[in-house]
């Protein structure tokens, strides 16, 4: 299980790095918009991402 967790973490880092590498201006603009959001909006986005990730894990596992 430890190996799978490390592979998942490595894949996450690769995917997180794609947008700043390919479109740094769009990445910067996204962070400008995030700064303007309230804490509740950011928490909702985080919760939605976690739920989507859990659903995908259940589907593909």
N, C-alpha and C. Protein backbone atom coordinates (compact mmCIF):
# COMPACT_ATOMS: atom_id res chain seq x y z
N UNK A 1 0.82 -1.19 0.00
CA UNK A 1 0.00 0.00 0.00
C UNK A 1 0.87 1.26 0.00
N UNK A 2 1.98 1.22 0.70
CA UNK A 2 2.86 2.37 0.75
C UNK A 2 3.38 2.77 -0.62
N UNK A 3 3.68 1.76 -1.45
CA UNK A 3 4.16 2.04 -2.80
C UNK A 3 3.07 2.71 -3.64
N UNK A 4 1.84 2.24 -3.50
CA UNK A 4 0.72 2.84 -4.24
C UNK A 4 0.49 4.28 -3.81
N UNK A 5 0.62 4.54 -2.52
CA UNK A 5 0.43 5.89 -2.02
C UNK A 5 1.51 6.82 -2.58
N UNK A 6 2.74 6.35 -2.63
CA UNK A 6 3.82 7.17 -3.18
C UNK A 6 3.63 7.40 -4.68
N UNK A 7 3.16 6.38 -5.39
CA UNK A 7 2.88 6.54 -6.82
C UNK A 7 1.75 7.55 -7.04
N UNK A 8 0.72 7.49 -6.22
CA UNK A 8 -0.39 8.44 -6.33
C UNK A 8 0.09 9.86 -6.05
N UNK A 9 0.94 10.01 -5.05
CA UNK A 9 1.48 11.33 -4.72
C UNK A 9 2.34 11.86 -5.86
N UNK A 10 3.16 11.00 -6.44
CA UNK A 10 4.00 11.40 -7.57
C UNK A 10 3.15 11.82 -8.76
N UNK A 11 2.09 11.07 -9.05
CA UNK A 11 1.20 11.42 -10.15
C UNK A 11 0.49 12.75 -9.88
N UNK A 12 0.09 12.98 -8.64
CA UNK A 12 -0.54 14.24 -8.28
C UNK A 12 0.42 15.41 -8.55
N UNK A 13 1.70 15.25 -8.18
CA UNK A 13 2.68 16.31 -8.42
C UNK A 13 2.87 16.58 -9.91
N UNK A 14 2.90 15.52 -10.70
CA UNK A 14 3.03 15.69 -12.15
C UNK A 14 1.82 16.45 -12.70
N UNK A 15 0.63 16.03 -12.32
CA UNK A 15 -0.58 16.69 -12.81
C UNK A 15 -0.68 18.13 -12.33
N UNK A 16 -0.28 18.39 -11.10
CA UNK A 16 -0.30 19.76 -10.57
C UNK A 16 0.69 20.65 -11.30
N UNK A 17 1.75 20.09 -11.83
CA UNK A 17 2.76 20.87 -12.51
C UNK A 17 2.48 21.15 -13.97
N UNK A 18 1.50 20.47 -14.55
CA UNK A 18 1.22 20.63 -15.98
C UNK A 18 0.74 22.04 -16.31
N UNK A 19 -0.23 22.56 -15.57
CA UNK A 19 -0.80 23.87 -15.91
C UNK A 19 0.23 24.99 -15.74
N UNK A 20 0.96 25.06 -14.61
CA UNK A 20 1.96 26.14 -14.52
C UNK A 20 3.04 26.04 -15.61
N UNK A 21 3.34 24.82 -16.04
CA UNK A 21 4.35 24.65 -17.08
C UNK A 21 3.83 25.08 -18.45
N UNK A 22 2.60 24.66 -18.78
CA UNK A 22 2.05 24.94 -20.11
C UNK A 22 1.41 26.32 -20.23
N UNK A 23 0.80 26.80 -19.16
CA UNK A 23 0.07 28.07 -19.22
C UNK A 23 0.30 28.87 -17.93
N UNK A 24 1.49 29.41 -17.76
CA UNK A 24 1.77 30.12 -16.50
C UNK A 24 0.88 31.35 -16.28
N UNK A 25 0.50 32.03 -17.34
CA UNK A 25 -0.35 33.21 -17.18
C UNK A 25 -1.74 32.82 -16.68
N UNK A 26 -2.30 31.76 -17.22
CA UNK A 26 -3.61 31.29 -16.77
C UNK A 26 -3.55 30.81 -15.32
N UNK A 27 -2.45 30.17 -14.96
CA UNK A 27 -2.25 29.69 -13.59
C UNK A 27 -2.20 30.87 -12.63
N UNK A 28 -1.48 31.90 -13.00
CA UNK A 28 -1.37 33.11 -12.18
C UNK A 28 -2.73 33.79 -12.02
N UNK A 29 -3.49 33.87 -13.11
CA UNK A 29 -4.82 34.49 -13.05
C UNK A 29 -5.76 33.68 -12.16
N UNK A 30 -5.64 32.37 -12.19
CA UNK A 30 -6.46 31.52 -11.32
C UNK A 30 -6.19 31.84 -9.86
N UNK A 31 -4.93 32.02 -9.50
CA UNK A 31 -4.60 32.34 -8.11
C UNK A 31 -5.07 33.75 -7.74
N UNK A 32 -5.06 34.67 -8.68
CA UNK A 32 -5.61 36.00 -8.40
C UNK A 32 -7.10 35.90 -8.07
N UNK A 33 -7.81 35.05 -8.80
CA UNK A 33 -9.25 34.87 -8.53
C UNK A 33 -9.47 34.18 -7.18
N UNK A 34 -8.61 33.21 -6.84
CA UNK A 34 -8.72 32.52 -5.55
C UNK A 34 -8.54 33.48 -4.39
N UNK A 35 -7.62 34.41 -4.52
CA UNK A 35 -7.38 35.38 -3.46
C UNK A 35 -8.62 36.22 -3.20
N UNK A 36 -9.39 36.49 -4.25
CA UNK A 36 -10.58 37.32 -4.11
C UNK A 36 -11.76 36.56 -3.51
N UNK A 37 -11.69 35.23 -3.44
CA UNK A 37 -12.80 34.43 -2.91
C UNK A 37 -12.82 34.45 -1.39
N UNK A 38 -13.99 34.21 -0.83
CA UNK A 38 -14.11 34.10 0.62
C UNK A 38 -13.65 32.72 1.08
N UNK A 39 -13.42 32.59 2.37
CA UNK A 39 -13.00 31.30 2.92
C UNK A 39 -14.04 30.22 2.66
N UNK A 40 -15.31 30.57 2.77
CA UNK A 40 -16.38 29.60 2.54
C UNK A 40 -16.38 29.08 1.11
N UNK A 41 -16.13 29.96 0.15
CA UNK A 41 -16.09 29.54 -1.25
C UNK A 41 -14.91 28.60 -1.49
N UNK A 42 -13.77 28.91 -0.92
CA UNK A 42 -12.59 28.06 -1.09
C UNK A 42 -12.81 26.70 -0.42
N UNK A 43 -13.43 26.72 0.75
CA UNK A 43 -13.74 25.44 1.43
C UNK A 43 -14.69 24.59 0.60
N UNK A 44 -15.68 25.23 -0.02
CA UNK A 44 -16.64 24.50 -0.86
C UNK A 44 -15.92 23.86 -2.05
N UNK A 45 -15.02 24.58 -2.67
CA UNK A 45 -14.24 24.03 -3.78
C UNK A 45 -13.41 22.84 -3.30
N UNK A 46 -12.77 22.98 -2.14
CA UNK A 46 -11.99 21.88 -1.59
C UNK A 46 -12.84 20.67 -1.28
N UNK A 47 -14.00 20.89 -0.67
CA UNK A 47 -14.91 19.79 -0.35
C UNK A 47 -15.39 19.09 -1.62
N UNK A 48 -15.74 19.88 -2.63
CA UNK A 48 -16.18 19.31 -3.90
C UNK A 48 -15.09 18.48 -4.54
N UNK A 49 -13.86 18.96 -4.50
CA UNK A 49 -12.74 18.21 -5.07
C UNK A 49 -12.51 16.90 -4.32
N UNK A 50 -12.62 16.95 -2.99
CA UNK A 50 -12.43 15.72 -2.20
C UNK A 50 -13.52 14.70 -2.49
N UNK A 51 -14.76 15.15 -2.57
CA UNK A 51 -15.87 14.23 -2.86
C UNK A 51 -15.73 13.64 -4.26
N UNK A 52 -15.36 14.47 -5.23
CA UNK A 52 -15.15 13.96 -6.59
C UNK A 52 -14.03 12.93 -6.61
N UNK A 53 -12.95 13.20 -5.88
CA UNK A 53 -11.85 12.24 -5.81
C UNK A 53 -12.27 10.93 -5.17
N UNK A 54 -13.04 11.00 -4.10
CA UNK A 54 -13.52 9.77 -3.44
C UNK A 54 -14.44 8.97 -4.37
N UNK A 55 -15.31 9.66 -5.08
CA UNK A 55 -16.20 8.97 -6.01
C UNK A 55 -15.38 8.28 -7.11
N UNK A 56 -14.39 8.98 -7.65
CA UNK A 56 -13.54 8.37 -8.67
C UNK A 56 -12.76 7.16 -8.13
N UNK A 57 -12.30 7.27 -6.89
CA UNK A 57 -11.61 6.13 -6.26
C UNK A 57 -12.55 4.92 -6.15
N UNK A 58 -13.80 5.17 -5.75
CA UNK A 58 -14.74 4.06 -5.62
C UNK A 58 -15.09 3.46 -6.98
N UNK A 59 -15.17 4.30 -8.00
CA UNK A 59 -15.52 3.80 -9.33
C UNK A 59 -14.40 2.94 -9.91
N UNK A 60 -13.17 3.43 -9.80
CA UNK A 60 -12.06 2.76 -10.46
C UNK A 60 -11.36 1.71 -9.61
N UNK A 61 -11.75 1.57 -8.37
CA UNK A 61 -11.10 0.56 -7.53
C UNK A 61 -11.75 -0.77 -7.60
